N, C-alpha and C. Protein backbone atom coordinates (compact mmCIF):
# COMPACT_ATOMS: atom_id res chain seq x y z
N UNK A 1 -32.63 65.94 -7.46
CA UNK A 1 -33.56 66.91 -6.91
C UNK A 1 -33.55 66.72 -5.62
N UNK A 2 -34.11 67.23 -4.95
CA UNK A 2 -35.23 66.95 -3.85
C UNK A 2 -36.62 67.89 -3.75
N UNK A 3 -37.49 67.36 -2.85
CA UNK A 3 -38.73 67.88 -2.96
C UNK A 3 -38.49 69.34 -3.26
N UNK A 4 -39.77 70.22 -3.57
CA UNK A 4 -39.79 71.06 -4.44
C UNK A 4 -40.36 72.13 -2.32
N UNK A 5 -41.15 71.66 -1.47
CA UNK A 5 -41.16 72.21 -0.32
C UNK A 5 -40.82 71.16 0.74
N UNK A 6 -40.62 71.75 1.79
CA UNK A 6 -40.15 70.27 3.02
C UNK A 6 -41.75 71.13 4.10
N UNK A 7 -41.89 70.52 4.86
CA UNK A 7 -42.53 70.96 5.90
C UNK A 7 -42.52 70.86 7.38
N UNK A 8 -43.14 71.45 8.36
CA UNK A 8 -42.75 71.73 9.69
C UNK A 8 -43.94 71.80 10.73
N UNK A 9 -44.31 71.15 11.44
CA UNK A 9 -45.57 71.71 12.10
C UNK A 9 -45.06 72.57 13.48
N UNK A 10 -45.98 73.72 13.82
CA UNK A 10 -45.46 74.63 14.71
C UNK A 10 -46.55 74.79 15.44
N UNK A 11 -46.72 75.41 16.83
CA UNK A 11 -47.49 75.85 17.56
C UNK A 11 -48.23 77.45 16.54
N UNK A 12 -48.86 77.72 16.84
CA UNK A 12 -49.12 79.22 16.62
C UNK A 12 -48.53 80.13 17.28
N UNK A 13 -48.04 80.30 18.68
CA UNK A 13 -48.20 80.99 19.25
C UNK A 13 -46.61 80.90 18.78
N UNK A 14 -45.49 79.86 18.93
CA UNK A 14 -44.14 80.00 18.53
C UNK A 14 -44.11 80.60 16.95
N UNK A 15 -45.14 80.13 16.53
CA UNK A 15 -44.69 80.83 15.17
C UNK A 15 -44.73 82.69 15.14
N UNK A 16 -45.52 82.82 15.88
CA UNK A 16 -45.72 83.96 15.79
C UNK A 16 -44.65 84.92 16.79
N UNK A 17 -44.27 84.34 17.44
CA UNK A 17 -43.20 84.93 18.54
C UNK A 17 -41.73 84.85 17.29
N UNK A 18 -41.96 83.58 16.45
CA UNK A 18 -40.67 83.72 15.71
C UNK A 18 -41.07 84.70 14.27
N UNK A 19 -42.25 84.91 14.39
CA UNK A 19 -42.00 86.41 13.00
C UNK A 19 -41.91 87.41 13.47
N UNK A 20 -41.89 87.73 15.10
CA UNK A 20 -40.87 88.87 15.62
C UNK A 20 -39.84 89.26 15.78
N UNK A 21 -38.90 87.44 16.18
CA UNK A 21 -37.79 87.37 16.45
C UNK A 21 -37.03 87.36 14.82
N UNK A 22 -37.76 86.71 13.64
CA UNK A 22 -37.13 86.50 12.09
C UNK A 22 -36.68 85.33 12.22
N UNK A 23 -36.56 84.13 13.15
CA UNK A 23 -36.15 82.78 13.18
C UNK A 23 -37.04 82.21 14.33
N UNK A 24 -37.24 80.70 13.90
CA UNK A 24 -37.93 79.65 14.69
C UNK A 24 -37.34 79.08 15.33
N UNK A 25 -36.86 78.67 16.14
CA UNK A 25 -35.97 77.85 17.07
C UNK A 25 -36.54 76.25 17.32
N UNK A 26 -37.93 76.36 16.79
CA UNK A 26 -37.76 74.86 17.02
C UNK A 26 -38.89 74.69 17.87
N UNK A 27 -39.78 73.46 17.98
CA UNK A 27 -40.92 73.18 19.31
C UNK A 27 -39.80 72.61 20.73
N UNK A 28 -40.13 72.09 21.72
CA UNK A 28 -39.15 71.52 22.69
C UNK A 28 -38.46 70.20 22.43
N UNK A 29 -39.15 69.65 21.69
CA UNK A 29 -38.43 68.50 20.79
C UNK A 29 -37.57 68.71 19.58
N UNK A 30 -37.62 69.83 18.82
CA UNK A 30 -36.69 70.10 18.41
C UNK A 30 -35.03 70.35 18.91
N UNK A 31 -35.29 71.00 19.78
CA UNK A 31 -34.63 72.00 20.52
C UNK A 31 -33.60 71.02 21.70
N UNK A 32 -34.71 70.03 22.25
CA UNK A 32 -34.15 68.67 22.90
C UNK A 32 -32.65 67.64 21.90
N UNK A 33 -33.70 67.53 20.53
CA UNK A 33 -32.48 66.82 19.63
C UNK A 33 -31.82 67.12 19.01
N UNK A 34 -31.72 68.92 18.92
CA UNK A 34 -30.51 69.78 19.05
C UNK A 34 -30.75 69.63 16.94
N UNK A 35 -31.78 69.44 16.50
CA UNK A 35 -32.35 70.26 15.17
C UNK A 35 -34.25 70.28 14.91
N UNK A 36 -34.42 71.18 14.21
CA UNK A 36 -35.72 71.31 13.68
C UNK A 36 -36.08 69.79 12.57
N UNK A 37 -37.01 69.19 13.58
CA UNK A 37 -37.54 68.32 12.48
C UNK A 37 -38.57 68.77 11.04
N UNK A 38 -38.09 68.03 9.57
CA UNK A 38 -39.24 68.46 9.04
C UNK A 38 -39.61 67.07 8.12
N UNK A 39 -40.67 67.42 7.47
CA UNK A 39 -40.78 66.07 6.68
C UNK A 39 -41.50 66.77 5.77
N UNK A 40 -40.92 65.47 4.13
CA UNK A 40 -41.88 65.74 2.75
C UNK A 40 -43.22 66.10 3.28
N UNK A 41 -43.98 66.51 1.76
CA UNK A 41 -45.81 65.65 1.82
C UNK A 41 -45.99 64.67 1.91
N UNK A 42 -45.48 63.82 1.48
CA UNK A 42 -45.62 62.10 1.76
C UNK A 42 -45.30 61.69 3.44
N UNK A 43 -45.00 62.37 3.94
CA UNK A 43 -44.26 61.76 5.47
C UNK A 43 -45.13 63.05 6.49
N UNK A 44 -45.82 64.29 6.12
CA UNK A 44 -45.76 64.89 7.14
C UNK A 44 -47.45 64.62 8.02
N UNK A 45 -48.16 63.96 7.01
CA UNK A 45 -49.47 63.73 7.74
C UNK A 45 -48.84 62.26 9.37
N UNK A 46 -48.15 61.46 8.81
CA UNK A 46 -48.17 60.28 9.57
C UNK A 46 -46.79 60.99 10.93
N UNK A 47 -46.26 62.45 10.41
CA UNK A 47 -45.62 63.02 11.54
C UNK A 47 -46.22 63.42 12.48
N UNK A 48 -47.52 64.26 11.75
CA UNK A 48 -48.26 65.10 12.52
C UNK A 48 -49.03 63.75 13.93
N UNK A 49 -49.93 62.75 13.26
CA UNK A 49 -50.10 61.70 13.94
C UNK A 49 -49.55 61.40 15.17
N UNK A 50 -48.09 60.77 14.63
CA UNK A 50 -47.41 60.68 15.75
C UNK A 50 -46.59 61.40 16.79
N UNK A 51 -46.56 62.48 16.74
CA UNK A 51 -46.08 63.41 17.22
C UNK A 51 -47.13 64.66 17.95
N UNK A 52 -48.29 65.27 16.97
CA UNK A 52 -48.90 66.17 17.61
C UNK A 52 -50.37 65.59 17.85
N UNK A 53 -50.73 64.54 18.15
CA UNK A 53 -51.97 64.11 18.23
C UNK A 53 -52.63 65.34 19.40
N UNK A 54 -53.88 65.29 18.45
CA UNK A 54 -54.88 65.82 19.15
C UNK A 54 -54.25 67.75 19.79
N UNK A 55 -53.58 68.22 19.49
CA UNK A 55 -52.79 69.30 19.60
C UNK A 55 -53.36 70.23 18.73
N UNK A 56 -54.29 71.40 19.91
CA UNK A 56 -54.85 72.55 18.86
C UNK A 56 -54.12 73.52 19.06
N UNK A 57 -54.18 74.59 18.07
CA UNK A 57 -53.89 75.83 17.05
C UNK A 57 -52.17 75.60 16.67
N UNK A 58 -52.41 74.85 16.20
CA UNK A 58 -51.37 73.96 15.14
C UNK A 58 -51.33 74.70 13.81
N UNK A 59 -49.55 75.76 12.88
CA UNK A 59 -49.65 75.37 11.75
C UNK A 59 -48.75 74.73 11.02
N UNK A 60 -49.04 74.81 9.87
CA UNK A 60 -47.66 73.74 9.27
C UNK A 60 -47.34 74.93 8.16
N UNK A 61 -45.74 74.55 8.61
CA UNK A 61 -44.85 76.24 7.42
C UNK A 61 -44.32 74.91 6.36
N UNK A 62 -44.63 75.37 5.11
CA UNK A 62 -44.36 75.04 3.82
C UNK A 62 -42.96 76.49 3.53
N UNK A 63 -41.98 75.12 3.58
CA UNK A 63 -40.60 75.68 3.41
C UNK A 63 -39.43 75.18 2.59
N UNK A 64 -38.86 75.85 2.11
CA UNK A 64 -38.31 76.44 0.47
C UNK A 64 -36.53 75.51 1.02
N UNK A 65 -36.92 74.10 0.73
CA UNK A 65 -35.21 73.70 1.11
C UNK A 65 -34.22 74.06 0.90
N UNK A 66 -34.40 74.75 -0.70
CA UNK A 66 -33.13 75.33 -0.91
C UNK A 66 -32.50 76.79 -0.76
N UNK A 67 -33.70 77.04 0.21
CA UNK A 67 -33.14 78.21 1.07
C UNK A 67 -32.63 78.19 2.49
N UNK A 68 -31.98 76.82 2.66
CA UNK A 68 -31.32 76.80 4.36
C UNK A 68 -30.11 76.22 4.21
N UNK A 69 -29.52 75.90 2.73
CA UNK A 69 -28.45 75.84 2.76
C UNK A 69 -27.49 74.11 3.61
N UNK A 70 -26.59 74.63 3.52
CA UNK A 70 -26.05 73.18 4.23
C UNK A 70 -26.39 72.71 5.44
N UNK A 71 -27.13 73.49 5.99
CA UNK A 71 -27.71 73.33 7.44
C UNK A 71 -28.49 72.29 7.36
N UNK A 72 -29.02 71.68 6.54
CA UNK A 72 -30.17 71.15 5.98
C UNK A 72 -29.41 69.99 5.94
N UNK A 73 -29.96 68.87 6.52
CA UNK A 73 -29.08 67.19 5.96
C UNK A 73 -30.56 65.91 6.29
N UNK A 74 -30.40 64.94 4.97
CA UNK A 74 -31.33 64.60 4.86
C UNK A 74 -30.66 62.86 5.70
N UNK A 75 -31.46 62.78 6.76
CA UNK A 75 -30.91 61.57 7.60
C UNK A 75 -32.40 60.52 7.53
N UNK A 76 -31.09 59.87 7.85
CA UNK A 76 -32.39 58.22 8.33
C UNK A 76 -33.47 58.46 9.96
N UNK A 77 -34.50 58.11 9.55
CA UNK A 77 -35.72 58.14 10.54
C UNK A 77 -36.15 57.18 10.98
N UNK A 78 -37.79 57.11 10.32
CA UNK A 78 -38.67 56.65 11.02
C UNK A 78 -38.68 55.36 9.54
N UNK A 79 -38.71 54.22 9.97
CA UNK A 79 -38.06 52.76 9.33
C UNK A 79 -37.49 53.04 8.10
N UNK A 80 -36.14 53.68 8.50
CA UNK A 80 -34.67 54.38 7.64
C UNK A 80 -34.98 54.94 7.01
N UNK A 81 -35.96 55.23 6.62
CA UNK A 81 -36.94 56.69 5.29
C UNK A 81 -35.71 57.85 5.82
N UNK A 82 -35.36 58.39 4.70
CA UNK A 82 -34.89 59.72 4.62
C UNK A 82 -35.85 60.74 5.41
N UNK A 83 -35.24 61.96 6.48
CA UNK A 83 -36.08 62.88 6.99
C UNK A 83 -35.19 64.70 6.61
N UNK A 84 -35.96 65.29 6.69
CA UNK A 84 -34.96 66.73 6.62
C UNK A 84 -34.48 67.25 7.65
N UNK A 85 -33.46 67.56 8.07
CA UNK A 85 -33.15 68.13 9.85
C UNK A 85 -32.54 69.13 9.23
N UNK A 86 -33.22 70.23 10.34
CA UNK A 86 -32.38 71.36 9.72
C UNK A 86 -31.62 71.54 10.87
N UNK A 87 -30.41 71.74 10.95
CA UNK A 87 -29.02 72.02 12.55
C UNK A 87 -28.78 73.48 12.17
N UNK A 88 -30.16 74.42 12.43
CA UNK A 88 -30.29 76.03 12.55
C UNK A 88 -31.18 76.29 12.85
N UNK A 89 -31.13 77.62 12.97
CA UNK A 89 -32.57 78.39 13.43
C UNK A 89 -33.35 78.17 11.95
N UNK A 90 -34.54 78.63 11.72
CA UNK A 90 -35.17 78.68 10.47
C UNK A 90 -35.52 79.88 10.43
N UNK A 91 -35.19 80.56 9.69
CA UNK A 91 -35.42 81.80 9.05
C UNK A 91 -36.39 81.89 8.66
N UNK A 92 -36.92 82.81 8.77
CA UNK A 92 -38.83 83.15 8.58
C UNK A 92 -38.80 83.47 6.97
N UNK A 93 -37.76 83.86 6.49
CA UNK A 93 -37.48 84.31 5.44
C UNK A 93 -37.71 82.78 3.95
N UNK A 94 -37.47 81.74 4.55
CA UNK A 94 -37.79 80.53 3.97
C UNK A 94 -38.61 80.38 3.76
N UNK A 95 -39.77 80.85 5.25
CA UNK A 95 -41.11 80.11 5.31
C UNK A 95 -41.88 80.26 4.04
N UNK A 96 -42.27 79.54 2.97
CA UNK A 96 -43.00 80.36 1.75
C UNK A 96 -45.32 80.06 1.82
N UNK A 97 -45.13 79.76 2.60
CA UNK A 97 -47.13 79.60 3.05
C UNK A 97 -46.65 78.87 4.77
N UNK A 98 -47.97 79.36 4.87
CA UNK A 98 -48.40 79.35 6.54
C UNK A 98 -50.17 78.77 6.44
N UNK A 99 -50.39 77.31 7.11
CA UNK A 99 -51.43 77.16 6.77
C UNK A 99 -52.00 76.69 8.43
N UNK A 100 -53.07 76.75 8.49
CA UNK A 100 -53.67 76.67 9.71
C UNK A 100 -53.71 75.03 9.62
N UNK A 101 -53.88 74.36 10.54
CA UNK A 101 -54.06 72.52 10.56
C UNK A 101 -55.03 72.73 11.55
N UNK A 102 -56.44 72.76 11.60
CA UNK A 102 -57.12 72.95 12.49
C UNK A 102 -57.72 71.31 12.62
N UNK A 103 -58.10 70.57 13.99
CA UNK A 103 -58.62 69.52 14.13
C UNK A 103 -60.13 68.94 13.59
N UNK A 104 -60.20 67.96 12.70
CA UNK A 104 -61.80 67.43 12.07
C UNK A 104 -62.13 67.10 13.45
N UNK A 105 -63.45 66.84 13.18
CA UNK A 105 -64.43 66.08 13.87
C UNK A 105 -64.07 64.56 14.22
N UNK A 106 -63.00 64.04 13.58
CA UNK A 106 -62.73 62.75 13.98
C UNK A 106 -61.11 62.90 15.05
N UNK A 107 -60.84 64.26 15.36
CA UNK A 107 -59.53 64.22 16.24
C UNK A 107 -58.27 64.54 15.10
N UNK A 108 -58.64 63.91 13.93
CA UNK A 108 -57.40 64.11 13.14
C UNK A 108 -57.00 65.72 12.59
N UNK A 109 -55.98 65.90 12.08
CA UNK A 109 -55.59 67.02 11.68
C UNK A 109 -55.93 67.32 10.09
N UNK A 110 -56.39 68.20 9.89
CA UNK A 110 -57.08 68.55 8.35
C UNK A 110 -55.89 69.37 7.56
N UNK A 111 -55.33 69.06 6.80
CA UNK A 111 -54.22 69.50 5.74
C UNK A 111 -54.24 69.86 4.80
N UNK A 112 -53.85 71.02 4.08
CA UNK A 112 -54.06 71.39 2.46
C UNK A 112 -53.65 70.14 1.99
N UNK A 113 -54.43 70.57 0.61
CA UNK A 113 -54.09 69.29 -0.44
C UNK A 113 -52.14 69.92 -0.55
N UNK A 114 -51.89 68.99 -0.81
CA UNK A 114 -50.59 69.57 -0.88
C UNK A 114 -50.57 69.05 -2.48
N UNK A 115 -49.76 69.15 -3.78
CA UNK A 115 -49.86 68.09 -5.51
C UNK A 115 -48.51 67.26 -4.98
N UNK A 116 -48.17 67.10 -5.77
CA UNK A 116 -47.41 66.27 -6.31
C UNK A 116 -45.80 66.70 -6.18
N UNK A 117 -45.74 67.97 -6.43
CA UNK A 117 -44.27 68.76 -5.92
C UNK A 117 -44.18 69.08 -4.56
N UNK A 118 -45.37 68.94 -3.88
CA UNK A 118 -45.05 69.12 -2.45
C UNK A 118 -46.06 70.70 -2.07
N UNK A 119 -46.41 71.22 -3.57
CA UNK A 119 -46.68 72.70 -3.45
C UNK A 119 -48.09 72.32 -2.98
N UNK A 120 -48.69 73.54 -2.04
CA UNK A 120 -50.27 73.66 -1.55
C UNK A 120 -51.45 74.09 -2.85
N UNK A 121 -52.12 73.28 -3.13
CA UNK A 121 -52.61 73.67 -4.04
C UNK A 121 -53.84 74.81 -4.44
């Protein structure tokens, strides 16, 4: 059994557009790579540091992996760890929560607390 939730980080404007359309096509990097990058609760902070450092107006999308079907694949990435990749558009109905990711005074994004099961407490 996989994690209760997986996470993707989006620009707020892109997420707002996705809500109007009913689906999120991913970031420029996602579209270039051919899949939407996701992370587990344990991976998401480092992913944000590596790929979204210093960016303003971001949101954390908490997604039910069971709602993604066969388009979700777990593939080796950073350090050989398995990361979830979605080979389709993300339906907004699979997103169970959206959290702001403001920058703190140290320039790092401030994440909500993610419980052991990945659910925000």
